[in-house]
Amino acid sequence: MPAVRLPAETYYVSVDKSVVQGAMAKIEERFRDLLENGAQANGLPEGCYAAGQYLIPDSIDQRGLYGTSAALLALARSAPSPSRIRLIEGINRYIVGRRKIEIALVRSEEATSALTTRLAVEWRTAFKCAELLYALSAAPAAAVGREELLNKVLGTIREARFATGGWAADLDLRQKVDPLATASIVRALNAAGIPVDATDLELVRRHAYDERNVTGYVRVFCLLVLLEIDGRDEELDRLWKKLLDELTPGLRERTEANYEFTLSNHYHYVRVPWQLYLLSCAALISPLKIIFNRHIRTVLLDGIAAVNSTEGFVYASSGHMRSTRTYGILMDTLWRVDQTLGTSRYLAPLSALANWSIRVLYSRITTWFALSAAVVVGGLSLWSWLFDEQTRPLSAVGPNLFTSGLLAVVGLLLRRLRRR
């Protein structure tokens, strides 16, 4: 991943709350635009809001549980406002009445049959239920419709839990325990304030350490879940360092991973934005990495810069369209960083110091000072050598000439860096 310079002229290598919150406000703005003006809003009853796969208002007329849950999470993590509550309640209203609303919009028996099957499958997908529950847990408790939805999702999740602990990706007791599905549901239950069974938590811990059967991308998500529930300890510190070493080579470019699972005897996949999960882990277990680890820092700065760009935050392997689900997870990640900046005694001051130092180093004053110093030192050296009454060999002024040359090179490099 290339080095990132934030669009604001006053920030270069680190962030503070204003920069993070500015990016969060930009994400919220995009979701508001989508919910209120998007093509997917066509035909919805008054006061209902939904989202589809893409965060582009004029993309396609499509609505889904992933996208709608992402919109709910993004709004839940945004700054409080009356209009925010209105949109959240509209999303709740849509999800509660989703089946009835969608069936009323189709015009043929064949389309109705296909839609009914798709809606039934949604509530069997562990990842969709987990992400909806996690988003609901972040939403204001007073939002109308929240409790009804919470109870519905919790009922589905409880019925699908294995007696020995854990969940399958397909919420079917005839399947087998899935590491990512189990970790996702455990995280959502904890966020909702539901006590997590010790057996389920132990499964997440076991998967986090299972190098043979679980990929590093899933293990880092399991680590995030453990940190959110139990906090850091010596064992998790060691696991964090190991996973960071293992995954650092993959931080050189923006990327995510595909996680395949079967549902109704068909292959499906869910995308795992593991770099964002790794950043969230850093905020919880090692906040200084956000400033001093260039790879972790770049993931954060890249996300902020991309949100403010025309292209947006997209993964090349997923095409050029902005994903609502990815933006929801990015919003949650920035919220986590913002919380860390607000609670840490030393992170915000160090970040400010790093920014100030880089601004001074990259400033025009520093550049011209270095060039002027080079000219002055070089000129004095030559004057001393040419006009000193006691002629000195060239070697006597060599160090001074070398110093002036070095300062000139430094000044030119700084000027070039600023232009880049």
Protein backbone atom coordinates (compact mmCIF):
# COMPACT_ATOMS: atom_id res chain seq x y z
CA MET A 1 0.00 0.00 0.00
CA PRO A 2 1.60 3.34 -1.02
CA ALA A 3 2.29 6.09 1.47
CA VAL A 4 -0.76 8.25 2.08
CA ARG A 5 -0.99 11.99 2.54
CA LEU A 6 -4.30 13.20 3.92
CA PRO A 7 -6.18 15.82 1.91
CA ALA A 8 -5.96 18.34 4.74
CA GLU A 9 -2.77 20.36 4.42
CA THR A 10 -2.14 20.28 8.17
CA TYR A 11 -1.99 16.50 8.56
CA TYR A 12 0.49 14.10 7.04
CA VAL A 13 1.45 11.07 9.09
CA SER A 14 -1.11 10.72 11.84
CA VAL A 15 -4.67 11.64 12.72
CA ASP A 16 -6.62 13.32 15.46
CA LYS A 17 -10.30 13.27 16.38
CA SER A 18 -11.25 15.99 13.92
CA VAL A 19 -9.82 14.04 10.98
CA VAL A 20 -11.46 10.76 12.03
CA GLN A 21 -14.78 12.42 12.75
CA GLY A 22 -14.61 14.27 9.44
CA ALA A 23 -14.32 10.96 7.59
CA MET A 24 -17.17 9.50 9.67
CA ALA A 25 -19.36 12.49 8.79
CA LYS A 26 -18.57 11.93 5.11
CA ILE A 27 -19.66 8.27 5.35
CA GLU A 28 -22.85 9.28 7.16
CA GLU A 29 -23.58 11.82 4.43
CA ARG A 30 -23.25 9.17 1.73
CA PHE A 31 -25.61 6.80 3.54
CA ARG A 32 -28.17 9.56 4.10
CA ASP A 33 -28.07 10.40 0.40
CA LEU A 34 -28.52 6.74 -0.51
CA LEU A 35 -31.43 6.14 1.88
CA GLU A 36 -33.32 9.26 0.91
CA ASN A 37 -32.53 9.55 -2.81
CA GLY A 38 -31.35 6.12 -3.94
CA ALA A 39 -32.99 4.09 -6.70
CA GLN A 40 -33.63 1.31 -4.18
CA ALA A 41 -36.13 3.59 -2.39
CA ASN A 42 -38.57 3.35 -5.30
CA GLY A 43 -41.87 1.84 -4.22
CA LEU A 44 -41.11 1.75 -0.49
CA PRO A 45 -43.90 2.88 1.85
CA GLU A 46 -43.63 6.34 3.33
CA GLY A 47 -41.24 6.40 6.28
CA CYS A 48 -39.39 3.20 5.30
CA TYR A 49 -35.70 3.18 4.34
CA ALA A 50 -33.50 0.43 2.96
CA ALA A 51 -30.16 -0.02 1.23
CA GLY A 52 -28.72 -2.38 -1.33
CA GLN A 53 -25.30 -3.69 -2.18
CA TYR A 54 -23.83 -0.43 -3.49
CA LEU A 55 -23.43 3.00 -1.93
CA ILE A 56 -24.36 4.83 -5.11
CA PRO A 57 -27.85 6.38 -5.22
CA ASP A 58 -28.41 5.86 -8.94
CA SER A 59 -26.83 2.39 -9.21
CA ILE A 60 -29.52 -0.32 -9.14
CA ASP A 61 -32.98 -0.85 -7.70
CA GLN A 62 -31.99 -3.53 -5.19
CA ARG A 63 -32.40 -3.94 -1.43
CA GLY A 64 -30.73 -6.45 0.88
CA LEU A 65 -30.11 -7.29 4.52
CA TYR A 66 -26.33 -6.76 4.29
CA GLY A 67 -26.67 -3.25 2.87
CA THR A 68 -29.55 -2.24 5.13
CA SER A 69 -27.71 -3.49 8.22
CA ALA A 70 -24.62 -1.53 7.09
CA ALA A 71 -26.71 1.63 6.76
CA LEU A 72 -28.13 1.05 10.24
CA LEU A 73 -24.63 0.57 11.70
CA ALA A 74 -23.25 3.67 9.97
CA LEU A 75 -26.07 5.83 11.30
CA ALA A 76 -25.80 4.27 14.76
CA ARG A 77 -22.10 5.20 14.91
CA SER A 78 -22.69 8.75 13.68
CA ALA A 79 -23.32 11.89 15.71
CA PRO A 80 -26.76 12.10 17.37
CA SER A 81 -29.44 14.14 15.59
CA PRO A 82 -33.24 14.06 15.18
CA SER A 83 -32.98 13.14 11.49
CA ARG A 84 -30.65 10.27 12.39
CA ILE A 85 -33.33 8.77 14.65
CA ARG A 86 -35.89 9.18 11.87
CA LEU A 87 -33.76 7.23 9.42
CA ILE A 88 -32.91 4.52 11.96
CA GLU A 89 -36.58 4.02 12.79
CA GLY A 90 -37.39 3.93 9.08
CA ILE A 91 -34.81 1.17 8.60
CA ASN A 92 -36.25 -0.78 11.53
CA ARG A 93 -39.73 -0.37 10.05
CA TYR A 94 -38.57 -1.71 6.72
CA ILE A 95 -36.78 -4.77 8.13
CA VAL A 96 -39.76 -5.67 10.35
CA GLY A 97 -42.12 -5.49 7.38
CA ARG A 98 -39.59 -6.55 4.73
CA ARG A 99 -41.40 -9.68 3.60
CA LYS A 100 -44.77 -7.96 3.18
CA ILE A 101 -43.25 -4.86 1.55
CA GLU A 102 -41.18 -6.78 -0.99
CA ILE A 103 -43.92 -9.22 -1.96
CA ALA A 104 -46.27 -6.30 -2.61
CA LEU A 105 -43.78 -4.89 -5.13
CA VAL A 106 -43.46 -7.96 -7.40
CA ARG A 107 -45.84 -8.51 -10.28
CA SER A 108 -45.76 -12.23 -11.07
CA GLU A 109 -46.21 -15.55 -9.26
CA GLU A 110 -42.78 -16.70 -10.43
CA ALA A 111 -41.11 -13.59 -9.02
CA THR A 112 -43.06 -13.98 -5.78
CA SER A 113 -41.88 -17.59 -5.39
CA ALA A 114 -38.23 -16.64 -6.00
CA LEU A 115 -38.49 -13.70 -3.61
CA THR A 116 -40.06 -15.83 -0.86
CA THR A 117 -37.20 -18.33 -1.12
CA ARG A 118 -34.58 -15.58 -1.02
CA LEU A 119 -36.14 -13.93 2.03
CA ALA A 120 -36.25 -17.25 3.86
CA VAL A 121 -32.59 -17.93 3.08
CA GLU A 122 -31.60 -14.52 4.48
CA TRP A 123 -32.70 -15.52 7.97
CA ARG A 124 -30.67 -18.70 7.70
CA THR A 125 -27.44 -16.86 6.90
CA ALA A 126 -25.42 -16.50 10.11
CA PHE A 127 -23.43 -13.52 8.83
CA LYS A 128 -26.53 -11.50 7.93
CA CYS A 129 -28.18 -12.19 11.28
CA ALA A 130 -24.97 -11.38 13.15
CA GLU A 131 -24.43 -8.10 11.32
CA LEU A 132 -28.03 -7.03 11.84
CA LEU A 133 -27.80 -7.82 15.56
CA TYR A 134 -24.49 -5.96 15.85
CA ALA A 135 -25.96 -2.89 14.11
CA LEU A 136 -29.07 -2.98 16.29
CA SER A 137 -26.88 -3.13 19.39
CA ALA A 138 -25.26 0.17 18.38
CA ALA A 139 -28.58 1.89 17.59
CA PRO A 140 -30.29 4.08 20.20
CA ALA A 141 -32.39 1.99 22.56
CA ALA A 142 -35.28 4.43 22.20
CA ALA A 143 -35.56 3.92 18.44
CA VAL A 144 -38.97 2.50 17.56
CA GLY A 145 -38.82 -1.06 16.25
CA ARG A 146 -35.43 -1.88 17.74
CA GLU A 147 -36.67 -4.24 20.47
CA GLU A 148 -38.94 -6.15 18.11
CA LEU A 149 -36.08 -6.74 15.70
CA LEU A 150 -33.68 -7.67 18.48
CA ASN A 151 -36.05 -10.33 19.76
CA LYS A 152 -36.58 -11.74 16.27
CA VAL A 153 -32.85 -12.03 15.53
CA LEU A 154 -32.08 -13.43 18.98
CA GLY A 155 -34.78 -16.06 18.56
CA THR A 156 -33.31 -17.18 15.23
CA ILE A 157 -29.78 -17.31 16.67
CA ARG A 158 -30.76 -19.22 19.81
CA GLU A 159 -32.65 -21.85 17.85
CA ALA A 160 -29.62 -22.47 15.60
CA ARG A 161 -27.01 -22.88 18.35
CA PHE A 162 -25.47 -26.34 18.67
CA ALA A 163 -25.87 -28.05 22.03
CA THR A 164 -22.08 -28.32 22.22
CA GLY A 165 -21.67 -24.64 21.36
CA GLY A 166 -21.17 -22.59 18.22
CA TRP A 167 -23.08 -21.93 15.01
CA ALA A 168 -22.90 -22.97 11.38
CA ALA A 169 -22.72 -20.47 8.51
CA ASP A 170 -26.07 -21.89 7.45
CA LEU A 171 -28.18 -21.65 10.60
CA ASP A 172 -29.10 -25.31 10.32
CA LEU A 173 -28.35 -27.83 13.07
CA ARG A 174 -27.55 -30.42 10.40
CA GLN A 175 -24.44 -28.44 9.40
CA LYS A 176 -21.14 -28.07 11.28
CA VAL A 177 -19.63 -25.33 13.40
CA ASP A 178 -18.11 -22.51 11.36
CA PRO A 179 -15.28 -20.39 12.87
CA LEU A 180 -16.22 -17.06 11.27
CA ALA A 181 -19.96 -17.51 11.81
CA THR A 182 -19.46 -18.39 15.47
CA ALA A 183 -17.14 -15.43 16.06
CA SER A 184 -19.57 -13.06 14.28
CA ILE A 185 -22.55 -14.16 16.37
CA VAL A 186 -20.57 -14.11 19.63
CA ARG A 187 -19.43 -10.57 18.88
CA ALA A 188 -22.97 -9.44 18.12
CA LEU A 189 -24.38 -11.06 21.26
CA ASN A 190 -21.77 -9.35 23.41
CA ALA A 191 -22.41 -5.98 21.76
CA ALA A 192 -26.13 -6.39 22.44
CA GLY A 193 -25.44 -7.02 26.12
CA ILE A 194 -26.42 -10.70 25.94
CA PRO A 195 -24.23 -12.93 28.17
CA VAL A 196 -22.00 -15.11 26.01
CA ASP A 197 -21.83 -18.79 26.93
CA ALA A 198 -18.35 -19.82 28.07
CA THR A 199 -18.40 -22.70 25.58
CA ASP A 200 -18.99 -20.36 22.64
CA LEU A 201 -16.27 -17.99 23.79
CA GLU A 202 -13.85 -20.89 24.17
CA LEU A 203 -14.61 -21.93 20.58
CA VAL A 204 -13.68 -18.44 19.37
CA ARG A 205 -10.46 -18.60 21.37
CA ARG A 206 -9.62 -22.03 19.98
CA HIS A 207 -10.18 -20.84 16.42
CA ALA A 208 -8.02 -17.77 17.05
CA TYR A 209 -5.05 -20.04 17.82
CA ASP A 210 -5.79 -22.71 15.19
CA GLU A 211 -3.08 -22.07 12.61
CA ARG A 212 -3.64 -25.33 10.73
CA ASN A 213 -7.35 -25.07 9.97
CA VAL A 214 -8.21 -21.36 10.22
CA THR A 215 -6.76 -18.64 7.99
CA GLY A 216 -5.01 -15.63 9.46
CA TYR A 217 -7.80 -13.39 8.14
CA VAL A 218 -10.41 -15.21 10.23
CA ARG A 219 -8.08 -15.52 13.22
CA VAL A 220 -7.59 -11.76 13.37
CA PHE A 221 -11.37 -11.33 13.52
CA CYS A 222 -11.52 -13.89 16.33
CA LEU A 223 -8.82 -11.91 18.13
CA LEU A 224 -10.91 -8.75 17.76
CA VAL A 225 -13.90 -10.53 19.33
CA LEU A 226 -11.79 -11.75 22.26
CA LEU A 227 -10.40 -8.26 22.84
CA GLU A 228 -13.85 -6.70 22.79
CA ILE A 229 -15.19 -9.21 25.31
CA ASP A 230 -12.31 -9.95 27.69
CA GLY A 231 -9.79 -7.18 27.01
CA ARG A 232 -6.07 -7.73 26.52
CA ASP A 233 -3.90 -10.20 28.40
CA GLU A 234 -0.44 -11.70 27.91
CA GLU A 235 -1.69 -14.55 25.71
CA LEU A 236 -3.62 -12.22 23.42
CA ASP A 237 -0.60 -9.89 23.29
CA ARG A 238 1.50 -12.74 21.96
CA LEU A 239 -1.20 -13.75 19.47
CA TRP A 240 -1.51 -10.14 18.30
CA LYS A 241 2.23 -9.87 17.65
CA LYS A 242 2.24 -13.16 15.78
CA LEU A 243 -0.72 -12.26 13.60
CA LEU A 244 0.72 -8.79 12.90
CA ASP A 245 3.99 -10.35 11.71
CA GLU A 246 2.09 -12.85 9.59
CA LEU A 247 -0.27 -10.36 7.97
CA THR A 248 2.02 -7.32 7.57
CA PRO A 249 3.19 -8.33 4.04
CA GLY A 250 -0.47 -8.19 2.98
CA LEU A 251 -0.77 -4.58 4.15
CA ARG A 252 1.23 -3.27 1.21
CA GLU A 253 -1.95 -2.81 -0.79
CA ARG A 254 -5.62 -2.41 0.02
CA THR A 255 -7.20 -5.84 -0.03
CA GLU A 256 -9.81 -8.11 1.54
CA ALA A 257 -10.41 -11.87 1.58
CA ASN A 258 -13.28 -14.03 0.38
CA TYR A 259 -14.71 -16.55 2.83
CA GLU A 260 -16.69 -19.37 1.20
CA PHE A 261 -19.53 -21.28 2.83
CA THR A 262 -22.45 -23.43 1.73
CA LEU A 263 -26.10 -22.48 2.09
CA SER A 264 -28.91 -24.74 0.86
CA ASN A 265 -26.33 -26.83 -1.01
CA HIS A 266 -25.08 -23.76 -2.90
CA TYR A 267 -21.73 -22.04 -2.55
CA HIS A 268 -21.76 -18.51 -1.19
CA TYR A 269 -19.07 -16.18 0.08
CA VAL A 270 -18.75 -13.25 2.42
CA ARG A 271 -15.96 -10.70 2.15
CA VAL A 272 -13.62 -10.28 5.11
CA PRO A 273 -12.03 -6.78 5.29
CA TRP A 274 -9.31 -8.14 7.56
CA GLN A 275 -7.13 -5.02 7.31
CA LEU A 276 -9.87 -2.99 9.01
CA TYR A 277 -10.24 -5.68 11.68
CA LEU A 278 -6.48 -5.59 12.24
CA LEU A 279 -6.69 -1.81 12.68
CA SER A 280 -9.48 -2.26 15.25
CA CYS A 281 -7.30 -4.78 17.10
CA ALA A 282 -4.46 -2.25 17.17
CA ALA A 283 -6.77 0.38 18.66
CA LEU A 284 -7.71 -2.03 21.45
CA ILE A 285 -4.44 -3.78 22.24
CA SER A 286 -1.64 -1.51 21.02
CA PRO A 287 -2.84 2.05 20.24
CA LEU A 288 0.69 3.36 19.64
CA LYS A 289 0.84 1.16 16.53
CA ILE A 290 -1.59 3.61 14.94
CA ILE A 291 1.19 6.22 15.04
CA PHE A 292 4.45 4.29 14.95
CA ASN A 293 3.67 1.23 12.80
CA ARG A 294 3.75 2.53 9.25
CA HIS A 295 1.59 -0.32 7.90
CA ILE A 296 -1.17 0.07 10.47
CA ARG A 297 -0.97 3.85 10.13
CA THR A 298 -1.25 3.63 6.36
CA VAL A 299 -4.37 1.44 6.55
CA LEU A 300 -6.04 4.14 8.63
CA LEU A 301 -4.86 7.09 6.54
CA ASP A 302 -5.71 5.28 3.32
CA GLY A 303 -9.26 4.70 4.51
CA ILE A 304 -9.73 8.35 5.46
CA ALA A 305 -8.18 9.64 2.24
CA ALA A 306 -10.28 7.24 0.13
CA VAL A 307 -13.53 8.28 1.81
CA ASN A 308 -12.78 11.89 0.83
CA SER A 309 -11.79 10.99 -2.74
CA THR A 310 -13.92 10.81 -5.88
CA GLU A 311 -13.25 7.09 -6.28
CA GLY A 312 -14.16 6.24 -2.70
CA PHE A 313 -13.03 3.33 -0.53
CA VAL A 314 -13.18 0.30 -2.81
CA TYR A 315 -11.25 -2.95 -3.17
CA ALA A 316 -9.85 -3.52 -6.65
CA SER A 317 -10.84 -7.20 -6.60
CA SER A 318 -14.48 -6.22 -5.96
CA GLY A 319 -14.82 -3.72 -8.79
CA HIS A 320 -15.17 0.05 -8.75
CA MET A 321 -18.55 0.28 -6.98
CA ARG A 322 -18.62 1.39 -3.34
CA SER A 323 -19.90 -1.41 -1.11
CA THR A 324 -22.41 -0.48 1.59
CA ARG A 325 -21.20 -3.35 3.77
CA THR A 326 -17.56 -2.28 3.45
CA TYR A 327 -18.44 1.32 4.28
CA GLY A 328 -20.41 0.17 7.31
CA ILE A 329 -17.42 -1.78 8.61
CA LEU A 330 -15.11 1.16 7.86
CA MET A 331 -17.44 3.44 9.83
CA ASP A 332 -17.33 1.04 12.77
CA THR A 333 -13.52 0.90 12.55
CA LEU A 334 -13.19 4.69 12.54
CA TRP A 335 -15.56 4.84 15.48
CA ARG A 336 -13.26 2.43 17.34
CA VAL A 337 -10.22 4.62 16.58
CA ASP A 338 -12.15 7.73 17.63
CA GLN A 339 -13.03 6.06 20.94
CA THR A 340 -9.37 5.18 21.49
CA LEU A 341 -8.25 8.75 20.75
CA GLY A 342 -10.82 10.01 23.22
CA THR A 343 -9.89 7.69 26.09
CA SER A 344 -6.11 7.40 25.72
CA ARG A 345 -4.01 9.89 27.71
CA TYR A 346 -1.06 9.82 25.38
CA LEU A 347 -2.28 8.86 21.89
CA ALA A 348 -3.85 12.19 20.89
CA PRO A 349 -0.88 14.33 22.12
CA LEU A 350 1.62 12.05 20.38
CA SER A 351 -0.42 12.16 17.19
CA ALA A 352 -0.51 15.97 17.35
CA LEU A 353 3.26 16.08 17.96
CA ALA A 354 3.92 13.78 14.99
CA ASN A 355 1.78 15.95 12.72
CA TRP A 356 3.43 19.14 13.94
CA SER A 357 6.92 17.71 13.40
CA ILE A 358 6.12 16.60 9.87
CA ARG A 359 4.53 19.93 9.02
CA VAL A 360 7.70 21.70 10.14
CA LEU A 361 9.93 19.26 8.25
CA TYR A 362 7.90 19.58 5.03
CA SER A 363 7.34 23.33 5.28
CA ARG A 364 8.71 25.82 2.76
CA ILE A 365 10.54 27.60 5.57
CA THR A 366 12.50 24.43 6.37
CA THR A 367 13.24 23.85 2.69
CA TRP A 368 14.55 27.36 2.07
CA PHE A 369 16.44 27.36 5.36
CA ALA A 370 18.28 24.17 4.36
CA LEU A 371 19.11 25.56 0.91
CA SER A 372 20.20 28.94 2.33
CA ALA A 373 22.34 27.24 4.97
CA ALA A 374 23.98 25.17 2.25
CA VAL A 375 24.78 28.29 0.20
CA VAL A 376 26.14 30.20 3.21
CA VAL A 377 28.33 27.33 4.47
CA GLY A 378 29.61 26.63 0.97
CA GLY A 379 30.34 30.30 0.31
CA LEU A 380 32.21 30.81 3.58
CA SER A 381 34.22 27.65 2.97
CA LEU A 382 35.33 28.82 -0.48
CA TRP A 383 36.06 32.37 0.78
CA SER A 384 38.22 31.01 3.57
CA TRP A 385 40.09 28.76 1.17
CA LEU A 386 40.68 31.40 -1.53
CA PHE A 387 41.51 34.48 0.53
CA ASP A 388 43.06 33.21 3.74
CA GLU A 389 46.57 34.64 4.11
CA GLN A 390 47.88 31.24 5.05
CA THR A 391 47.07 29.09 2.09
CA ARG A 392 45.45 25.89 3.20
CA PRO A 393 45.19 22.66 1.27
CA LEU A 394 41.80 21.74 -0.17
CA SER A 395 41.45 19.00 2.41
CA ALA A 396 41.16 21.64 5.12
CA VAL A 397 37.81 22.82 3.77
CA GLY A 398 36.62 19.41 2.59
CA PRO A 399 34.31 18.79 5.57
CA ASN A 400 32.68 22.18 5.13
CA LEU A 401 32.13 21.60 1.43
CA PHE A 402 30.69 18.16 2.20
CA THR A 403 28.33 19.66 4.79
CA SER A 404 27.10 22.33 2.40
CA GLY A 405 26.53 19.72 -0.31
CA LEU A 406 24.61 17.54 2.12
CA LEU A 407 22.39 20.43 3.19
CA ALA A 408 21.70 21.26 -0.45
CA VAL A 409 20.67 17.68 -1.16
CA VAL A 410 18.44 17.62 1.92
CA GLY A 411 16.76 20.85 0.87
CA LEU A 412 16.15 19.62 -2.68
CA LEU A 413 14.77 16.30 -1.44
CA LEU A 414 12.41 18.03 0.97
CA ARG A 415 11.18 20.26 -1.84
CA ARG A 416 10.63 17.24 -4.06
CA LEU A 417 8.76 15.39 -1.30
CA ARG A 418 6.46 18.34 -0.75
CA ARG A 419 5.62 18.47 -4.44
CA ARG A 420 4.81 14.73 -4.44
